[in-house]
Amino acid sequence: MSAPIAIVTGAGRGLGLAIADRLRADGFETIGIDVDGSAGTIVCDVTDHASVEALIASLTNAPVAVVNNAGIVRFGALLDVSDAEFRRVVDVNLTGTFTVARLAARRMVAEGLGGSMVNITSINGVSPGLNSGAYGATKAAVALLTRQMALEWGTYGIRVNAVAPGLIDAGMSEPIYADPDARAARSGRVPLGRLGTSGDIASAVSFLLSDRAAYITGTELIVDGGVVQSAISSLPRPKSVDGGVRA
C-alpha cells in the first residue's frame, strides 16, 4: 500500500523544509514545492494557477495532507510601500494559499478521501507589527480564510486549521536574529524564555494533520511561547499597585 501524500509549499528552506522533513518521518510521501526548486523540491509558483493545477493533477492519488507555508514579507512603512510590493505579498501569502488549497480540495472531493490542511499564519496577523507592509494583513486574512474553508469543506471530510508562529529562529526571521542585540531583546520578551524553533512549528503542524486532531477544524493554533498573551505585562504600572490585594 502506498504512503499517503502530503504537499508542503515553500518547502525549500526554513519552516517549510522542517515541516516537510517531519511529515516524511510521520510516514507521508511528502511533495515539497518551492518557487526555485531548492532542497530537492519541485519547482512550482503558488501564484501560477496553471502550474499548481498541473502539479496536483500529476499526483498518483489525491493528497490527504496540505500545508500552505509559502510566504514572503516586504518590510517598510505603509506610507512608503509601493502598490507592486503590496500586491506581490497579497498574491503569494493570501491568493497563493487559496489557489493551492482549493485545487487540492477539489481533488480530495473528487476521490472522496477527505483530508487535512494547515495554513501557516503568524502572530503578526493577530497583533500588527511596525513596518511590516502587507504581511500582517495577509496573515489575518489567511486566518479567516482558514475558518471559511473549514466551514465549507467539513462536509467533505476535510479539516482545515492554521498555525501561527511567534518569534521563530528560522526562515524569514533569520536576518533579525543574526543581530545579537535584537536576539537578546526578543528572547527576553518570551514568557517561556527562548525563541521558537522550526521544530516547534513542525510539531504543531504534525499534530493538526494527525488523527489526534480528528475533531479539530477551523482553529488557529498560536505557537509563540506566550508572546501574544504577554502584551499587557510590558506596560508600566506603579509599584504601589502591586503591593497587595485590595478589598
Protein backbone atom coordinates (compact mmCIF):
# COMPACT_ATOMS: atom_id res chain seq x y z
CA MET A 1 0.00 0.00 0.00
CA SER A 2 1.41 3.38 -0.99
CA ALA A 3 2.10 6.06 1.59
CA PRO A 4 -0.42 8.91 1.94
CA ILE A 5 0.56 12.03 0.00
CA ALA A 6 1.30 15.37 1.66
CA ILE A 7 2.02 18.66 -0.11
CA VAL A 8 4.14 21.35 1.57
CA THR A 9 4.57 24.70 -0.14
CA GLY A 10 7.65 26.83 0.40
CA ALA A 11 9.50 23.66 1.39
CA GLY A 12 12.94 24.66 0.15
CA ARG A 13 14.15 26.21 3.37
CA GLY A 14 13.26 27.35 6.88
CA LEU A 15 9.92 26.31 8.32
CA GLY A 16 8.75 24.61 5.14
CA LEU A 17 11.81 22.38 4.99
CA ALA A 18 11.42 21.39 8.65
CA ILE A 19 7.72 20.66 8.15
CA ALA A 20 8.40 18.54 5.06
CA ASP A 21 11.07 16.54 6.90
CA ARG A 22 8.73 15.98 9.85
CA LEU A 23 5.91 14.74 7.64
CA ARG A 24 8.26 12.29 5.92
CA ALA A 25 9.19 10.98 9.37
CA ASP A 26 5.45 10.69 10.08
CA GLY A 27 5.11 8.35 7.10
CA PHE A 28 3.85 10.66 4.36
CA GLU A 29 5.07 10.70 0.79
CA THR A 30 5.85 14.40 1.01
CA ILE A 31 5.80 16.55 -2.11
CA GLY A 32 7.76 19.68 -1.32
CA ILE A 33 7.31 22.57 -3.72
CA ASP A 34 9.13 25.87 -3.97
CA VAL A 35 9.46 28.65 -6.49
CA ASP A 36 13.14 27.92 -7.15
CA GLY A 37 13.33 24.17 -6.61
CA SER A 38 15.80 24.41 -3.72
CA ALA A 39 16.45 21.49 -1.34
CA GLY A 40 15.16 18.95 -3.82
CA THR A 41 11.71 20.47 -4.08
CA ILE A 42 9.56 20.55 -7.20
CA VAL A 43 9.55 23.92 -8.95
CA CYS A 44 6.08 25.42 -8.61
CA ASP A 45 4.94 29.01 -8.11
CA VAL A 46 1.86 29.16 -5.88
CA THR A 47 0.75 32.32 -7.71
CA ASP A 48 0.65 30.45 -11.04
CA HIS A 49 -2.73 28.68 -11.17
CA ALA A 50 -1.83 26.54 -14.18
CA SER A 51 1.40 25.35 -12.56
CA VAL A 52 -0.33 24.35 -9.33
CA GLU A 53 -3.16 22.66 -11.22
CA ALA A 54 -0.70 20.62 -13.29
CA LEU A 55 1.22 19.54 -10.20
CA ILE A 56 -1.86 18.31 -8.36
CA ALA A 57 -3.16 16.55 -11.48
CA SER A 58 0.17 14.72 -11.79
CA LEU A 59 -0.11 13.05 -8.38
CA THR A 60 -0.91 9.35 -8.37
CA ASN A 61 -3.54 9.91 -5.68
CA ALA A 62 -5.22 12.87 -4.07
CA PRO A 63 -3.19 14.41 -1.26
CA VAL A 64 -4.54 13.74 2.20
CA ALA A 65 -2.45 16.50 3.81
CA VAL A 66 -1.64 20.00 2.58
CA VAL A 67 0.50 22.62 4.31
CA ASN A 68 0.34 26.12 2.88
CA ASN A 69 3.60 27.56 4.13
CA ALA A 70 4.86 29.61 1.17
CA GLY A 71 5.05 33.27 2.09
CA ILE A 72 7.04 36.46 1.68
CA VAL A 73 7.45 39.74 3.55
CA ARG A 74 8.43 43.16 2.27
CA PHE A 75 9.42 45.35 5.22
CA GLY A 76 8.64 49.05 5.11
CA ALA A 77 6.33 51.72 6.42
CA LEU A 78 2.87 51.70 4.87
CA LEU A 79 3.40 55.25 3.63
CA ASP A 80 6.33 54.04 1.57
CA VAL A 81 5.24 50.57 0.37
CA SER A 82 4.65 50.54 -3.38
CA ASP A 83 1.49 49.15 -4.94
CA ALA A 84 3.57 46.44 -6.63
CA GLU A 85 5.17 45.34 -3.34
CA PHE A 86 1.81 45.24 -1.58
CA ARG A 87 0.16 43.22 -4.35
CA ARG A 88 3.06 40.76 -4.52
CA VAL A 89 2.75 39.92 -0.82
CA VAL A 90 -1.01 39.50 -1.18
CA ASP A 91 -0.55 37.31 -4.27
CA VAL A 92 1.85 34.91 -2.55
CA ASN A 93 0.56 34.82 1.02
CA LEU A 94 -3.19 35.02 0.50
CA THR A 95 -4.05 34.17 -3.09
CA GLY A 96 -1.33 31.51 -3.27
CA THR A 97 -2.73 29.81 -0.17
CA PHE A 98 -6.23 29.89 -1.65
CA THR A 99 -5.10 28.54 -5.02
CA VAL A 100 -3.24 25.54 -3.61
CA ALA A 101 -5.92 24.75 -1.03
CA ARG A 102 -8.82 24.97 -3.46
CA LEU A 103 -7.19 22.85 -6.18
CA ALA A 104 -6.10 20.24 -3.64
CA ALA A 105 -9.58 20.22 -2.08
CA ARG A 106 -11.20 19.69 -5.47
CA ARG A 107 -9.15 16.54 -5.98
CA MET A 108 -9.80 15.37 -2.43
CA VAL A 109 -13.54 15.77 -3.04
CA ALA A 110 -13.36 14.07 -6.44
CA GLU A 111 -11.69 10.99 -4.93
CA GLY A 112 -13.78 11.04 -1.75
CA LEU A 113 -10.83 10.62 0.57
CA GLY A 114 -11.15 13.67 2.79
CA GLY A 115 -8.00 15.02 4.35
CA SER A 116 -6.48 17.77 6.43
CA MET A 117 -4.89 21.13 5.70
CA VAL A 118 -2.78 23.52 7.76
CA ASN A 119 -2.26 27.11 6.68
CA ILE A 120 0.72 28.93 8.19
CA THR A 121 -0.31 32.31 9.54
CA SER A 122 1.61 34.46 12.06
CA ILE A 123 1.24 36.34 15.31
CA ASN A 124 1.66 39.39 13.05
CA GLY A 125 -1.85 38.58 11.88
CA VAL A 126 -3.07 38.67 15.48
CA SER A 127 -1.15 41.75 16.61
CA PRO A 128 0.30 44.05 13.90
CA GLY A 129 3.98 44.92 13.80
CA LEU A 130 5.51 48.19 12.66
CA ASN A 131 6.89 48.41 9.14
CA SER A 132 5.57 45.01 8.09
CA GLY A 133 3.82 46.25 4.96
CA ALA A 134 1.07 43.92 3.80
CA TYR A 135 2.39 40.90 5.71
CA GLY A 136 0.21 41.11 8.83
CA ALA A 137 -2.91 41.89 6.82
CA THR A 138 -2.39 38.84 4.61
CA LYS A 139 -1.86 36.56 7.60
CA ALA A 140 -5.01 37.84 9.29
CA ALA A 141 -6.87 37.21 6.04
CA VAL A 142 -5.49 33.66 5.83
CA ALA A 143 -6.70 33.02 9.38
CA LEU A 144 -10.25 33.98 8.40
CA LEU A 145 -9.97 32.10 5.11
CA THR A 146 -8.97 29.04 7.14
CA ARG A 147 -12.19 29.25 9.13
CA GLN A 148 -14.24 29.67 5.97
CA MET A 149 -12.57 26.66 4.35
CA ALA A 150 -13.26 24.61 7.48
CA LEU A 151 -16.91 25.65 7.39
CA GLU A 152 -17.45 24.88 3.71
CA TRP A 153 -15.29 21.78 3.33
CA GLY A 154 -16.10 19.94 6.55
CA THR A 155 -18.99 18.18 4.86
CA TYR A 156 -16.44 16.54 2.53
CA GLY A 157 -14.35 15.27 5.44
CA ILE A 158 -11.68 17.93 5.01
CA ARG A 159 -10.34 19.59 8.15
CA VAL A 160 -8.62 22.98 7.83
CA ASN A 161 -6.62 24.63 10.61
CA ALA A 162 -3.87 27.21 10.94
CA VAL A 163 -0.62 27.51 12.86
CA ALA A 164 0.55 30.99 13.84
CA PRO A 165 4.29 31.04 14.58
CA GLY A 166 5.67 33.59 17.03
CA LEU A 167 9.32 34.61 17.38
CA ILE A 168 10.90 31.73 15.48
CA ASP A 169 14.64 31.48 14.88
CA ALA A 170 14.28 30.23 11.32
CA GLY A 171 13.20 31.16 7.83
CA MET A 172 12.37 34.80 7.13
CA SER A 173 13.35 35.80 10.69
CA GLU A 174 16.97 34.62 10.44
CA PRO A 175 18.29 38.10 9.46
CA ILE A 176 16.66 39.57 12.57
CA TYR A 177 18.23 37.07 14.95
CA ALA A 178 21.64 37.39 13.34
CA ASP A 179 21.83 40.67 15.29
CA PRO A 180 22.92 39.75 18.86
CA ASP A 181 21.14 42.70 20.47
CA ALA A 182 17.87 42.01 18.68
CA ARG A 183 18.16 38.33 19.54
CA ALA A 184 18.68 39.01 23.25
CA ALA A 185 15.91 41.61 23.42
CA ARG A 186 13.37 39.43 21.67
CA SER A 187 14.28 36.28 23.60
CA GLY A 188 13.77 38.24 26.81
CA ARG A 189 10.20 39.09 25.84
CA VAL A 190 9.12 35.45 25.51
CA PRO A 191 7.46 34.10 28.69
CA LEU A 192 8.97 30.66 28.08
CA GLY A 193 12.39 32.28 27.92
CA ARG A 194 13.56 31.30 24.45
CA LEU A 195 12.97 31.80 20.76
CA GLY A 196 10.96 29.15 18.97
CA THR A 197 12.48 26.68 16.53
CA SER A 198 11.37 25.29 13.21
CA GLY A 199 10.87 22.01 15.04
CA ASP A 200 8.32 23.62 17.35
CA ILE A 201 6.25 24.64 14.34
CA ALA A 202 6.69 21.30 12.57
CA SER A 203 5.42 19.50 15.68
CA ALA A 204 2.30 21.67 15.80
CA VAL A 205 1.60 21.06 12.13
CA SER A 206 2.16 17.32 12.56
CA PHE A 207 -0.37 17.24 15.40
CA LEU A 208 -3.08 19.10 13.47
CA LEU A 209 -2.67 16.84 10.44
CA SER A 210 -2.85 13.69 12.52
CA ASP A 211 -5.78 11.63 13.79
CA ARG A 212 -5.03 13.04 17.27
CA ALA A 213 -6.70 16.21 15.99
CA ALA A 214 -9.56 14.41 14.25
CA TYR A 215 -12.23 16.64 15.84
CA ILE A 216 -10.37 19.94 15.41
CA THR A 217 -11.12 22.21 12.47
CA GLY A 218 -11.27 25.96 11.92
CA THR A 219 -8.75 26.61 14.70
CA GLU A 220 -5.70 28.87 14.65
CA LEU A 221 -3.07 27.39 16.96
CA ILE A 222 -0.71 30.11 18.21
CA VAL A 223 2.79 28.72 18.77
CA ASP A 224 4.67 31.62 20.32
CA GLY A 225 5.87 30.72 23.82
CA GLY A 226 3.25 33.07 25.27
CA VAL A 227 4.29 36.29 23.48
CA VAL A 228 0.78 37.35 22.44
CA GLN A 229 -0.51 36.82 25.98
CA SER A 230 2.25 38.97 27.49
CA ALA A 231 1.48 42.26 25.74
CA ILE A 232 -0.10 43.99 28.75
CA SER A 233 2.67 42.83 31.10
CA SER A 234 5.15 45.08 29.28
CA LEU A 235 3.18 48.23 30.15
CA PRO A 236 4.45 50.25 33.16
CA ARG A 237 2.50 50.28 36.41
CA PRO A 238 3.21 51.97 39.78
CA LYS A 239 4.82 49.67 42.34
CA SER A 240 2.18 50.74 44.85
CA VAL A 241 -0.47 48.97 42.79
CA ASP A 242 1.32 45.64 43.11
CA GLY A 243 1.87 45.95 46.85
CA GLY A 244 -1.06 43.81 47.88
CA VAL A 245 -4.63 42.74 47.26
CA ARG A 246 -7.27 45.34 47.89
CA ALA A 247 -10.81 44.53 49.00
